[in-house]
Amino acid sequence: FGSLLGICLIIQILTGLFLAMHYTSDTLTAFSSVAHICRDVNYGWLIRNLHANGASMFFMCLFIHVGRGIYYGSYLFKETWNIGVILLLTVMATAFVGYVLPWGQMSFWGATVIT
């Protein structure tokens, strides 16, 4: 599942770069810029859906990867396991930031609850 994680990460980076070209980070215009991407940008809806579903696929592969590591006792290699845990926490923090970026109602209340 490590190679699938790499493929998912490459897809996330590429679609994220394409989305960033049209995204506005101001809190007043963030939601409308996401709507603009979906409605007015050529294949913007496809890129956004690939990015959103790619994140779910990435986490699915990530949890299977961690579960496999637990099953096979990879936690016995302390240094490697600790690096993996740090990477997991970093990925979760990055996913939270990505969840908040559209600044819709779900994003707003998600940010309110977490912070």
PDB file of N, CA and C in Angstrom:
ATOM      1  N   PHE A   1       0.814  -1.205   0.000  1.00  0.00           N
ATOM      2  CA  PHE A   1       0.000   0.000   0.000  1.00  0.00           C
ATOM      3  C   PHE A   1       0.852   1.260   0.000  1.00  0.00           C
ATOM      4  N   GLY A   2       2.138   1.118   0.205  1.00  0.00           N
ATOM      5  CA  GLY A   2       3.018   2.274   0.168  1.00  0.00           C
ATOM      6  C   GLY A   2       3.081   2.902  -1.213  1.00  0.00           C
ATOM      7  N   SER A   3       3.103   2.061  -2.257  1.00  0.00           N
ATOM      8  CA  SER A   3       3.143   2.613  -3.619  1.00  0.00           C
ATOM      9  C   SER A   3       1.816   3.274  -3.981  1.00  0.00           C
ATOM     10  N   LEU A   4       0.704   2.727  -3.506  1.00  0.00           N
ATOM     11  CA  LEU A   4      -0.594   3.376  -3.733  1.00  0.00           C
ATOM     12  C   LEU A   4      -0.658   4.726  -3.032  1.00  0.00           C
ATOM     13  N   LEU A   5      -0.048   4.811  -1.857  1.00  0.00           N
ATOM     14  CA  LEU A   5       0.022   6.095  -1.157  1.00  0.00           C
ATOM     15  C   LEU A   5       0.813   7.106  -1.973  1.00  0.00           C
ATOM     16  N   GLY A   6       1.884   6.658  -2.605  1.00  0.00           N
ATOM     17  CA  GLY A   6       2.676   7.547  -3.452  1.00  0.00           C
ATOM     18  C   GLY A   6       1.890   8.049  -4.646  1.00  0.00           C
ATOM     19  N   ILE A   7       1.131   7.160  -5.281  1.00  0.00           N
ATOM     20  CA  ILE A   7       0.303   7.553  -6.426  1.00  0.00           C
ATOM     21  C   ILE A   7      -0.781   8.528  -5.988  1.00  0.00           C
ATOM     22  N   CYS A   8      -1.434   8.228  -4.869  1.00  0.00           N
ATOM     23  CA  CYS A   8      -2.469   9.137  -4.351  1.00  0.00           C
ATOM     24  C   CYS A   8      -1.881  10.500  -4.008  1.00  0.00           C
ATOM     25  N   LEU A   9      -0.682  10.506  -3.436  1.00  0.00           N
ATOM     26  CA  LEU A   9      -0.044  11.775  -3.077  1.00  0.00           C
ATOM     27  C   LEU A   9       0.289  12.594  -4.318  1.00  0.00           C
ATOM     28  N   ILE A  10       0.768  11.948  -5.365  1.00  0.00           N
ATOM     29  CA  ILE A  10       1.064  12.663  -6.615  1.00  0.00           C
ATOM     30  C   ILE A  10      -0.209  13.253  -7.203  1.00  0.00           C
ATOM     31  N   ILE A  11      -1.308  12.485  -7.189  1.00  0.00           N
ATOM     32  CA  ILE A  11      -2.591  12.994  -7.694  1.00  0.00           C
ATOM     33  C   ILE A  11      -3.047  14.179  -6.860  1.00  0.00           C
ATOM     34  N   GLN A  12      -2.898  14.094  -5.540  1.00  0.00           N
ATOM     35  CA  GLN A  12      -3.296  15.199  -4.664  1.00  0.00           C
ATOM     36  C   GLN A  12      -2.478  16.456  -4.943  1.00  0.00           C
ATOM     37  N   ILE A  13      -1.191  16.292  -5.138  1.00  0.00           N
ATOM     38  CA  ILE A  13      -0.331  17.450  -5.396  1.00  0.00           C
ATOM     39  C   ILE A  13      -0.690  18.092  -6.728  1.00  0.00           C
ATOM     40  N   LEU A  14      -0.866  17.280  -7.769  1.00  0.00           N
ATOM     41  CA  LEU A  14      -1.175  17.836  -9.093  1.00  0.00           C
ATOM     42  C   LEU A  14      -2.534  18.524  -9.121  1.00  0.00           C
ATOM     43  N   THR A  15      -3.560  17.866  -8.590  1.00  0.00           N
ATOM     44  CA  THR A  15      -4.882  18.497  -8.592  1.00  0.00           C
ATOM     45  C   THR A  15      -4.906  19.706  -7.671  1.00  0.00           C
ATOM     46  N   GLY A  16      -4.167  19.648  -6.570  1.00  0.00           N
ATOM     47  CA  GLY A  16      -4.083  20.795  -5.667  1.00  0.00           C
ATOM     48  C   GLY A  16      -3.429  21.996  -6.330  1.00  0.00           C
ATOM     49  N   LEU A  17      -2.408  21.756  -7.131  1.00  0.00           N
ATOM     50  CA  LEU A  17      -1.769  22.855  -7.861  1.00  0.00           C
ATOM     51  C   LEU A  17      -2.726  23.476  -8.871  1.00  0.00           C
ATOM     52  N   PHE A  18      -3.471  22.638  -9.590  1.00  0.00           N
ATOM     53  CA  PHE A  18      -4.445  23.169 -10.550  1.00  0.00           C
ATOM     54  C   PHE A  18      -5.537  23.968  -9.843  1.00  0.00           C
ATOM     55  N   LEU A  19      -5.987  23.478  -8.695  1.00  0.00           N
ATOM     56  CA  LEU A  19      -7.008  24.211  -7.945  1.00  0.00           C
ATOM     57  C   LEU A  19      -6.460  25.524  -7.395  1.00  0.00           C
ATOM     58  N   ALA A  20      -5.213  25.516  -6.967  1.00  0.00           N
ATOM     59  CA  ALA A  20      -4.607  26.723  -6.393  1.00  0.00           C
ATOM     60  C   ALA A  20      -4.473  27.842  -7.418  1.00  0.00           C
ATOM     61  N   MET A  21      -4.443  27.491  -8.693  1.00  0.00           N
ATOM     62  CA  MET A  21      -4.328  28.517  -9.737  1.00  0.00           C
ATOM     63  C   MET A  21      -5.555  29.425  -9.794  1.00  0.00           C
ATOM     64  N   HIS A  22      -6.706  28.921  -9.348  1.00  0.00           N
ATOM     65  CA  HIS A  22      -7.946  29.690  -9.428  1.00  0.00           C
ATOM     66  C   HIS A  22      -8.543  30.010  -8.060  1.00  0.00           C
ATOM     67  N   TYR A  23      -7.910  29.563  -6.982  1.00  0.00           N
ATOM     68  CA  TYR A  23      -8.455  29.736  -5.636  1.00  0.00           C
ATOM     69  C   TYR A  23      -8.066  31.098  -5.072  1.00  0.00           C
ATOM     70  N   THR A  24      -9.000  31.735  -4.361  1.00  0.00           N
ATOM     71  CA  THR A  24      -8.738  32.982  -3.649  1.00  0.00           C
ATOM     72  C   THR A  24      -8.830  32.698  -2.156  1.00  0.00           C
ATOM     73  N   SER A  25      -7.809  33.079  -1.408  1.00  0.00           N
ATOM     74  CA  SER A  25      -7.744  32.688   0.002  1.00  0.00           C
ATOM     75  C   SER A  25      -8.387  33.679   0.960  1.00  0.00           C
ATOM     76  N   ASP A  26      -9.000  34.725   0.468  1.00  0.00           N
ATOM     77  CA  ASP A  26      -9.681  35.685   1.333  1.00  0.00           C
ATOM     78  C   ASP A  26     -10.955  35.048   1.884  1.00  0.00           C
ATOM     79  N   THR A  27     -11.261  35.276   3.164  1.00  0.00           N
ATOM     80  CA  THR A  27     -12.435  34.641   3.768  1.00  0.00           C
ATOM     81  C   THR A  27     -13.739  35.109   3.132  1.00  0.00           C
ATOM     82  N   LEU A  28     -13.749  36.288   2.565  1.00  0.00           N
ATOM     83  CA  LEU A  28     -14.975  36.789   1.930  1.00  0.00           C
ATOM     84  C   LEU A  28     -15.217  36.172   0.555  1.00  0.00           C
ATOM     85  N   THR A  29     -14.158  35.768  -0.124  1.00  0.00           N
ATOM     86  CA  THR A  29     -14.313  35.276  -1.497  1.00  0.00           C
ATOM     87  C   THR A  29     -13.896  33.822  -1.684  1.00  0.00           C
ATOM     88  N   ALA A  30     -13.496  33.135  -0.616  1.00  0.00           N
ATOM     89  CA  ALA A  30     -13.021  31.756  -0.751  1.00  0.00           C
ATOM     90  C   ALA A  30     -14.114  30.839  -1.289  1.00  0.00           C
ATOM     91  N   PHE A  31     -15.303  30.927  -0.722  1.00  0.00           N
ATOM     92  CA  PHE A  31     -16.385  30.040  -1.160  1.00  0.00           C
ATOM     93  C   PHE A  31     -16.778  30.321  -2.607  1.00  0.00           C
ATOM     94  N   SER A  32     -16.860  31.597  -2.974  1.00  0.00           N
ATOM     95  CA  SER A  32     -17.236  31.933  -4.351  1.00  0.00           C
ATOM     96  C   SER A  32     -16.142  31.536  -5.340  1.00  0.00           C
ATOM     97  N   SER A  33     -14.879  31.529  -4.902  1.00  0.00           N
ATOM     98  CA  SER A  33     -13.826  31.082  -5.814  1.00  0.00           C
ATOM     99  C   SER A  33     -13.917  29.577  -6.054  1.00  0.00           C
ATOM    100  N   VAL A  34     -14.333  28.820  -5.036  1.00  0.00           N
ATOM    101  CA  VAL A  34     -14.536  27.379  -5.222  1.00  0.00           C
ATOM    102  C   VAL A  34     -15.716  27.137  -6.162  1.00  0.00           C
ATOM    103  N   ALA A  35     -16.788  27.919  -5.994  1.00  0.00           N
ATOM    104  CA  ALA A  35     -17.928  27.810  -6.914  1.00  0.00           C
ATOM    105  C   ALA A  35     -17.504  28.188  -8.329  1.00  0.00           C
ATOM    106  N   HIS A  36     -16.657  29.198  -8.457  1.00  0.00           N
ATOM    107  CA  HIS A  36     -16.144  29.605  -9.773  1.00  0.00           C
ATOM    108  C   HIS A  36     -15.348  28.472 -10.413  1.00  0.00           C
ATOM    109  N   ILE A  37     -14.529  27.798  -9.617  1.00  0.00           N
ATOM    110  CA  ILE A  37     -13.744  26.678 -10.145  1.00  0.00           C
ATOM    111  C   ILE A  37     -14.670  25.593 -10.683  1.00  0.00           C
ATOM    112  N   CYS A  38     -15.721  25.275  -9.930  1.00  0.00           N
ATOM    113  CA  CYS A  38     -16.628  24.197 -10.333  1.00  0.00           C
ATOM    114  C   CYS A  38     -17.484  24.569 -11.538  1.00  0.00           C
ATOM    115  N   ARG A  39     -17.862  25.826 -11.654  1.00  0.00           N
ATOM    116  CA  ARG A  39     -18.809  26.229 -12.692  1.00  0.00           C
ATOM    117  C   ARG A  39     -18.161  26.799 -13.943  1.00  0.00           C
ATOM    118  N   ASP A  40     -17.112  27.598 -13.781  1.00  0.00           N
ATOM    119  CA  ASP A  40     -16.596  28.373 -14.905  1.00  0.00           C
ATOM    120  C   ASP A  40     -15.272  27.875 -15.474  1.00  0.00           C
ATOM    121  N   VAL A  41     -14.460  27.227 -14.679  1.00  0.00           N
ATOM    122  CA  VAL A  41     -13.165  26.739 -15.150  1.00  0.00           C
ATOM    123  C   VAL A  41     -13.385  25.437 -15.913  1.00  0.00           C
ATOM    124  N   ASN A  42     -12.730  25.305 -17.065  1.00  0.00           N
ATOM    125  CA  ASN A  42     -12.858  24.083 -17.855  1.00  0.00           C
ATOM    126  C   ASN A  42     -12.395  22.875 -17.047  1.00  0.00           C
ATOM    127  N   TYR A  43     -13.273  21.920 -16.884  1.00  0.00           N
ATOM    128  CA  TYR A  43     -13.041  20.696 -16.116  1.00  0.00           C
ATOM    129  C   TYR A  43     -12.661  20.975 -14.660  1.00  0.00           C
ATOM    130  N   GLY A  44     -13.025  22.135 -14.148  1.00  0.00           N
ATOM    131  CA  GLY A  44     -12.759  22.461 -12.752  1.00  0.00           C
ATOM    132  C   GLY A  44     -13.509  21.544 -11.808  1.00  0.00           C
ATOM    133  N   TRP A  45     -14.738  21.191 -12.171  1.00  0.00           N
ATOM    134  CA  TRP A  45     -15.531  20.273 -11.354  1.00  0.00           C
ATOM    135  C   TRP A  45     -14.838  18.916 -11.248  1.00  0.00           C
ATOM    136  N   LEU A  46     -14.229  18.476 -12.357  1.00  0.00           N
ATOM    137  CA  LEU A  46     -13.550  17.186 -12.358  1.00  0.00           C
ATOM    138  C   LEU A  46     -12.296  17.233 -11.487  1.00  0.00           C
ATOM    139  N   ILE A  47     -11.538  18.307 -11.607  1.00  0.00           N
ATOM    140  CA  ILE A  47     -10.314  18.436 -10.816  1.00  0.00           C
ATOM    141  C   ILE A  47     -10.650  18.506  -9.328  1.00  0.00           C
ATOM    142  N   ARG A  48     -11.697  19.262  -8.983  1.00  0.00           N
ATOM    143  CA  ARG A  48     -12.072  19.372  -7.567  1.00  0.00           C
ATOM    144  C   ARG A  48     -12.549  18.027  -7.023  1.00  0.00           C
ATOM    145  N   ASN A  49     -13.360  17.312  -7.808  1.00  0.00           N
ATOM    146  CA  ASN A  49     -13.835  16.004  -7.347  1.00  0.00           C
ATOM    147  C   ASN A  49     -12.698  14.990  -7.257  1.00  0.00           C
ATOM    148  N   LEU A  50     -11.752  15.044  -8.202  1.00  0.00           N
ATOM    149  CA  LEU A  50     -10.581  14.169  -8.104  1.00  0.00           C
ATOM    150  C   LEU A  50      -9.791  14.476  -6.836  1.00  0.00           C
ATOM    151  N   HIS A  51      -9.678  15.755  -6.511  1.00  0.00           N
ATOM    152  CA  HIS A  51      -8.931  16.156  -5.316  1.00  0.00           C
ATOM    153  C   HIS A  51      -9.655  15.705  -4.043  1.00  0.00           C
ATOM    154  N   ALA A  52     -10.964  15.899  -3.997  1.00  0.00           N
ATOM    155  CA  ALA A  52     -11.738  15.514  -2.811  1.00  0.00           C
ATOM    156  C   ALA A  52     -11.763  13.993  -2.632  1.00  0.00           C
ATOM    157  N   ASN A  53     -12.045  13.268  -3.697  1.00  0.00           N
ATOM    158  CA  ASN A  53     -12.088  11.811  -3.598  1.00  0.00           C
ATOM    159  C   ASN A  53     -10.690  11.217  -3.457  1.00  0.00           C
ATOM    160  N   GLY A  54      -9.695  11.900  -4.017  1.00  0.00           N
ATOM    161  CA  GLY A  54      -8.312  11.453  -3.849  1.00  0.00           C
ATOM    162  C   GLY A  54      -7.872  11.507  -2.397  1.00  0.00           C
ATOM    163  N   ALA A  55      -8.364  12.515  -1.666  1.00  0.00           N
ATOM    164  CA  ALA A  55      -8.038  12.611  -0.241  1.00  0.00           C
ATOM    165  C   ALA A  55      -8.635  11.430   0.521  1.00  0.00           C
ATOM    166  N   SER A  56      -9.861  11.064   0.183  1.00  0.00           N
ATOM    167  CA  SER A  56     -10.485   9.905   0.837  1.00  0.00           C
ATOM    168  C   SER A  56      -9.733   8.622   0.500  1.00  0.00           C
ATOM    169  N   MET A  57      -9.334   8.481  -0.754  1.00  0.00           N
ATOM    170  CA  MET A  57      -8.580   7.301  -1.175  1.00  0.00           C
ATOM    171  C   MET A  57      -7.216   7.251  -0.471  1.00  0.00           C
ATOM    172  N   PHE A  58      -6.588   8.412  -0.345  1.00  0.00           N
ATOM    173  CA  PHE A  58      -5.294   8.489   0.343  1.00  0.00           C
ATOM    174  C   PHE A  58      -5.423   8.009   1.782  1.00  0.00           C
ATOM    175  N   PHE A  59      -6.449   8.482   2.488  1.00  0.00           N
ATOM    176  CA  PHE A  59      -6.619   8.081   3.888  1.00  0.00           C
ATOM    177  C   PHE A  59      -7.022   6.611   4.001  1.00  0.00           C
ATOM    178  N   MET A  60      -7.789   6.108   3.055  1.00  0.00           N
ATOM    179  CA  MET A  60      -8.142   4.699   3.083  1.00  0.00           C
ATOM    180  C   MET A  60      -6.877   3.841   2.947  1.00  0.00           C
ATOM    181  N   CYS A  61      -6.020   4.189   1.988  1.00  0.00           N
ATOM    182  CA  CYS A  61      -4.757   3.460   1.825  1.00  0.00           C
ATOM    183  C   CYS A  61      -3.853   3.642   3.040  1.00  0.00           C
ATOM    184  N   LEU A  62      -3.879   4.840   3.618  1.00  0.00           N
ATOM    185  CA  LEU A  62      -3.047   5.125   4.789  1.00  0.00           C
ATOM    186  C   LEU A  62      -3.463   4.271   5.983  1.00  0.00           C
ATOM    187  N   PHE A  63      -4.761   4.162   6.228  1.00  0.00           N
ATOM    188  CA  PHE A  63      -5.234   3.364   7.358  1.00  0.00           C
ATOM    189  C   PHE A  63      -4.977   1.878   7.135  1.00  0.00           C
ATOM    190  N   ILE A  64      -5.105   1.413   5.905  1.00  0.00           N
ATOM    191  CA  ILE A  64      -4.767   0.015   5.610  1.00  0.00           C
ATOM    192  C   ILE A  64      -3.270  -0.214   5.824  1.00  0.00           C
ATOM    193  N   HIS A  65      -2.456   0.749   5.412  1.00  0.00           N
ATOM    194  CA  HIS A  65      -1.005   0.669   5.590  1.00  0.00           C
ATOM    195  C   HIS A  65      -0.640   0.600   7.079  1.00  0.00           C
ATOM    196  N   VAL A  66      -1.263   1.441   7.890  1.00  0.00           N
ATOM    197  CA  VAL A  66      -1.007   1.430   9.337  1.00  0.00           C
ATOM    198  C   VAL A  66      -1.505   0.116   9.943  1.00  0.00           C
ATOM    199  N   GLY A  67      -2.689  -0.325   9.546  1.00  0.00           N
ATOM    200  CA  GLY A  67      -3.223  -1.587  10.056  1.00  0.00           C
ATOM    201  C   GLY A  67      -2.339  -2.768   9.717  1.00  0.00           C
ATOM    202  N   ARG A  68      -1.806  -2.771   8.503  1.00  0.00           N
ATOM    203  CA  ARG A  68      -0.894  -3.838   8.111  1.00  0.00           C
ATOM    204  C   ARG A  68       0.384  -3.788   8.945  1.00  0.00           C
ATOM    205  N   GLY A  69       0.851  -2.570   9.224  1.00  0.00           N
ATOM    206  CA  GLY A  69       2.041  -2.419  10.066  1.00  0.00           C
ATOM    207  C   GLY A  69       1.816  -2.935  11.473  1.00  0.00           C
ATOM    208  N   ILE A  70       0.627  -2.685  12.007  1.00  0.00           N
ATOM    209  CA  ILE A  70       0.301  -3.190  13.346  1.00  0.00           C
ATOM    210  C   ILE A  70       0.193  -4.714  13.323  1.00  0.00           C
ATOM    211  N   TYR A  71      -0.448  -5.256  12.294  1.00  0.00           N
ATOM    212  CA  TYR A  71      -0.635  -6.701  12.192  1.00  0.00           C
ATOM    213  C   TYR A  71       0.706  -7.439  12.113  1.00  0.00           C
ATOM    214  N   TYR A  72       1.635  -6.895  11.329  1.00  0.00           N
ATOM    215  CA  TYR A  72       2.928  -7.558  11.149  1.00  0.00           C
ATOM    216  C   TYR A  72       3.964  -7.155  12.197  1.00  0.00           C
ATOM    217  N   GLY A  73       3.587  -6.339  13.169  1.00  0.00           N
ATOM    218  CA  GLY A  73       4.492  -5.994  14.261  1.00  0.00           C
ATOM    219  C   GLY A  73       5.566  -4.985  13.891  1.00  0.00           C
ATOM    220  N   SER A  74       5.280  -4.125  12.949  1.00  0.00           N
ATOM    221  CA  SER A  74       6.266  -3.119  12.545  1.00  0.00           C
ATOM    222  C   SER A  74       6.526  -2.099  13.639  1.00  0.00           C
ATOM    223  N   TYR A  75       5.650  -2.032  14.623  1.00  0.00           N
ATOM    224  CA  TYR A  75       5.838  -1.093  15.733  1.00  0.00           C
ATOM    225  C   TYR A  75       7.042  -1.462  16.591  1.00  0.00           C
ATOM    226  N   LEU A  76       7.588  -2.647  16.400  1.00  0.00           N
ATOM    227  CA  LEU A  76       8.774  -3.046  17.152  1.00  0.00           C
ATOM    228  C   LEU A  76      10.014  -2.269  16.710  1.00  0.00           C
ATOM    229  N   PHE A  77      10.001  -1.768  15.486  1.00  0.00           N
ATOM    230  CA  PHE A  77      11.084  -0.913  15.000  1.00  0.00           C
ATOM    231  C   PHE A  77      10.738   0.517  15.390  1.00  0.00           C
ATOM    232  N   LYS A  78      11.186   0.903  16.579  1.00  0.00           N
ATOM    233  CA  LYS A  78      10.722   2.144  17.218  1.00  0.00           C
ATOM    234  C   LYS A  78      10.942   3.386  16.358  1.00  0.00           C
ATOM    235  N   GLU A  79      12.145   3.543  15.822  1.00  0.00           N
ATOM    236  CA  GLU A  79      12.451   4.771  15.078  1.00  0.00           C
ATOM    237  C   GLU A  79      11.588   4.891  13.824  1.00  0.00           C
ATOM    238  N   THR A  80      11.466   3.813  13.087  1.00  0.00           N
ATOM    239  CA  THR A  80      10.641   3.826  11.879  1.00  0.00           C
ATOM    240  C   THR A  80       9.181   4.072  12.229  1.00  0.00           C
ATOM    241  N   TRP A  81       8.708   3.427  13.284  1.00  0.00           N
ATOM    242  CA  TRP A  81       7.314   3.593  13.698  1.00  0.00           C
ATOM    243  C   TRP A  81       7.035   5.026  14.142  1.00  0.00           C
ATOM    244  N   ASN A  82       7.958   5.612  14.909  1.00  0.00           N
ATOM    245  CA  ASN A  82       7.769   6.987  15.378  1.00  0.00           C
ATOM    246  C   ASN A  82       7.750   7.983  14.222  1.00  0.00           C
ATOM    247  N   ILE A  83       8.593   7.762  13.224  1.00  0.00           N
ATOM    248  CA  ILE A  83       8.564   8.622  12.035  1.00  0.00           C
ATOM    249  C   ILE A  83       7.221   8.480  11.330  1.00  0.00           C
ATOM    250  N   GLY A  84       6.713   7.256  11.249  1.00  0.00           N
ATOM    251  CA  GLY A  84       5.404   7.030  10.635  1.00  0.00           C
ATOM    252  C   GLY A  84       4.281   7.721  11.382  1.00  0.00           C
ATOM    253  N   VAL A  85       4.336   7.701  12.706  1.00  0.00           N
ATOM    254  CA  VAL A  85       3.313   8.379  13.513  1.00  0.00           C
ATOM    255  C   VAL A  85       3.383   9.888  13.297  1.00  0.00           C
ATOM    256  N   ILE A  86       4.594  10.431  13.234  1.00  0.00           N
ATOM    257  CA  ILE A  86       4.749  11.871  12.969  1.00  0.00           C
ATOM    258  C   ILE A  86       4.194  12.218  11.593  1.00  0.00           C
ATOM    259  N   LEU A  87       4.473  11.375  10.598  1.00  0.00           N
ATOM    260  CA  LEU A  87       3.919  11.600   9.256  1.00  0.00           C
ATOM    261  C   LEU A  87       2.395  11.516   9.262  1.00  0.00           C
ATOM    262  N   LEU A  88       1.839  10.569  10.005  1.00  0.00           N
ATOM    263  CA  LEU A  88       0.385  10.440  10.098  1.00  0.00           C
ATOM    264  C   LEU A  88      -0.234  11.701  10.686  1.00  0.00           C
ATOM    265  N   LEU A  89       0.335  12.209  11.764  1.00  0.00           N
ATOM    266  CA  LEU A  89      -0.191  13.431  12.382  1.00  0.00           C
ATOM    267  C   LEU A  89      -0.053  14.632  11.450  1.00  0.00           C
ATOM    268  N   THR A  90       1.043  14.701  10.703  1.00  0.00           N
ATOM    269  CA  THR A  90       1.238  15.788   9.737  1.00  0.00           C
ATOM    270  C   THR A  90       0.209  15.718   8.618  1.00  0.00           C
ATOM    271  N   VAL A  91      -0.054  14.520   8.126  1.00  0.00           N
ATOM    272  CA  VAL A  91      -1.049  14.346   7.064  1.00  0.00           C
ATOM    273  C   VAL A  91      -2.440  14.714   7.574  1.00  0.00           C
ATOM    274  N   MET A  92      -2.751  14.342   8.816  1.00  0.00           N
ATOM    275  CA  MET A  92      -4.062  14.688   9.375  1.00  0.00           C
ATOM    276  C   MET A  92      -4.218  16.199   9.534  1.00  0.00           C
ATOM    277  N   ALA A  93      -3.161  16.881   9.949  1.00  0.00           N
ATOM    278  CA  ALA A  93      -3.214  18.341  10.074  1.00  0.00           C
ATOM    279  C   ALA A  93      -3.371  18.997   8.706  1.00  0.00           C
ATOM    280  N   THR A  94      -2.674  18.480   7.712  1.00  0.00           N
ATOM    281  CA  THR A  94      -2.789  19.008   6.351  1.00  0.00           C
ATOM    282  C   THR A  94      -4.193  18.787   5.805  1.00  0.00           C
ATOM    283  N   ALA A  95      -4.775  17.631   6.083  1.00  0.00           N
ATOM    284  CA  ALA A  95      -6.137  17.353   5.621  1.00  0.00           C
ATOM    285  C   ALA A  95      -7.141  18.289   6.280  1.00  0.00           C
ATOM    286  N   PHE A  96      -6.929  18.609   7.544  1.00  0.00           N
ATOM    287  CA  PHE A  96      -7.823  19.554   8.217  1.00  0.00           C
ATOM    288  C   PHE A  96      -7.756  20.927   7.561  1.00  0.00           C
ATOM    289  N   VAL A  97      -6.554  21.381   7.257  1.00  0.00           N
ATOM    290  CA  VAL A  97      -6.406  22.678   6.583  1.00  0.00           C
ATOM    291  C   VAL A  97      -7.095  22.640   5.220  1.00  0.00           C
ATOM    292  N   GLY A  98      -6.944  21.548   4.483  1.00  0.00           N
ATOM    293  CA  GLY A  98      -7.616  21.412   3.195  1.00  0.00           C
ATOM    294  C   GLY A  98      -9.125  21.373   3.326  1.00  0.00           C
ATOM    295  N   TYR A  99      -9.618  20.824   4.426  1.00  0.00           N
ATOM    296  CA  TYR A  99     -11.060  20.777   4.670  1.00  0.00           C
ATOM    297  C   TYR A  99     -11.621  22.166   4.942  1.00  0.00           C
ATOM    298  N   VAL A 100     -10.826  23.010   5.583  1.00  0.00           N
ATOM    299  CA  VAL A 100     -11.281  24.348   5.965  1.00  0.00           C
ATOM    300  C   VAL A 100     -11.181  25.341   4.799  1.00  0.00           C
ATOM    301  N   LEU A 101     -10.317  25.094   3.837  1.00  0.00           N
ATOM    302  CA  LEU A 101     -10.059  26.066   2.766  1.00  0.00           C
ATOM    303  C   LEU A 101     -11.287  26.552   1.992  1.00  0.00           C
ATOM    304  N   PRO A 102     -12.273  25.721   1.640  1.00  0.00           N
ATOM    305  CA  PRO A 102     -13.420  26.251   0.874  1.00  0.00           C
ATOM    306  C   PRO A 102     -14.251  27.270   1.646  1.00  0.00           C
ATOM    307  N   TRP A 103     -14.186  27.246   2.952  1.00  0.00           N
ATOM    308  CA  TRP A 103     -14.852  28.185   3.851  1.00  0.00           C
ATOM    309  C   TRP A 103     -16.357  28.237   3.615  1.00  0.00           C
ATOM    310  N   GLY A 104     -16.952  27.036   3.458  1.00  0.00           N
ATOM    311  CA  GLY A 104     -18.405  26.925   3.452  1.00  0.00           C
ATOM    312  C   GLY A 104     -18.890  26.711   4.873  1.00  0.00           C
ATOM    313  N   GLN A 105     -20.151  26.357   5.023  1.00  0.00           N
ATOM    314  CA  GLN A 105     -20.706  26.144   6.360  1.00  0.00           C
ATOM    315  C   GLN A 105     -20.029  24.969   7.069  1.00  0.00           C
ATOM    316  N   MET A 106     -19.835  23.865   6.347  1.00  0.00           N
ATOM    317  CA  MET A 106     -19.171  22.701   6.957  1.00  0.00           C
ATOM    318  C   MET A 106     -17.742  23.048   7.368  1.00  0.00           C
ATOM    319  N   SER A 107     -17.045  23.788   6.522  1.00  0.00           N
ATOM    320  CA  SER A 107     -15.670  24.182   6.835  1.00  0.00           C
ATOM    321  C   SER A 107     -15.625  25.098   8.042  1.00  0.00           C
ATOM    322  N   PHE A 108     -16.530  26.066   8.070  1.00  0.00           N
ATOM    323  CA  PHE A 108     -16.561  27.022   9.178  1.00  0.00           C
ATOM    324  C   PHE A 108     -16.797  26.319  10.506  1.00  0.00           C
ATOM    325  N   TRP A 109     -17.816  25.468  10.548  1.00  0.00           N
ATOM    326  CA  TRP A 109     -18.130  24.807  11.807  1.00  0.00           C
ATOM    327  C   TRP A 109     -17.105  23.737  12.160  1.00  0.00           C
ATOM    328  N   GLY A 110     -16.501  23.113  11.156  1.00  0.00           N
ATOM    329  CA  GLY A 110     -15.398  22.193  11.441  1.00  0.00           C
ATOM    330  C   GLY A 110     -14.228  22.912  12.086  1.00  0.00           C
ATOM    331  N   ALA A 111     -13.905  24.090  11.569  1.00  0.00           N
ATOM    332  CA  ALA A 111     -12.823  24.891  12.151  1.00  0.00           C
ATOM    333  C   ALA A 111     -13.195  25.379  13.542  1.00  0.00           C
ATOM    334  N   THR A 112     -14.459  25.719  13.741  1.00  0.00           N
ATOM    335  CA  THR A 112     -14.909  26.196  15.049  1.00  0.00           C
ATOM    336  C   THR A 112     -14.807  25.092  16.098  1.00  0.00           C
ATOM    337  N   VAL A 113     -15.185  23.886  15.741  1.00  0.00           N
ATOM    338  CA  VAL A 113     -15.160  22.774  16.696  1.00  0.00           C
ATOM    339  C   VAL A 113     -13.726  22.358  17.015  1.00  0.00           C
ATOM    340  N   ILE A 114     -12.881  22.285  16.010  1.00  0.00           N
ATOM    341  CA  ILE A 114     -11.517  21.791  16.212  1.00  0.00           C
ATOM    342  C   ILE A 114     -10.650  22.807  16.956  1.00  0.00           C
ATOM    343  N   THR A 115     -10.819  24.100  16.660  1.00  0.00           N
ATOM    344  CA  THR A 115      -9.927  25.102  17.279  1.00  0.00           C
ATOM    345  C   THR A 115     -10.491  25.683  18.539  1.00  0.00           C
TER     346      THR A 115
END
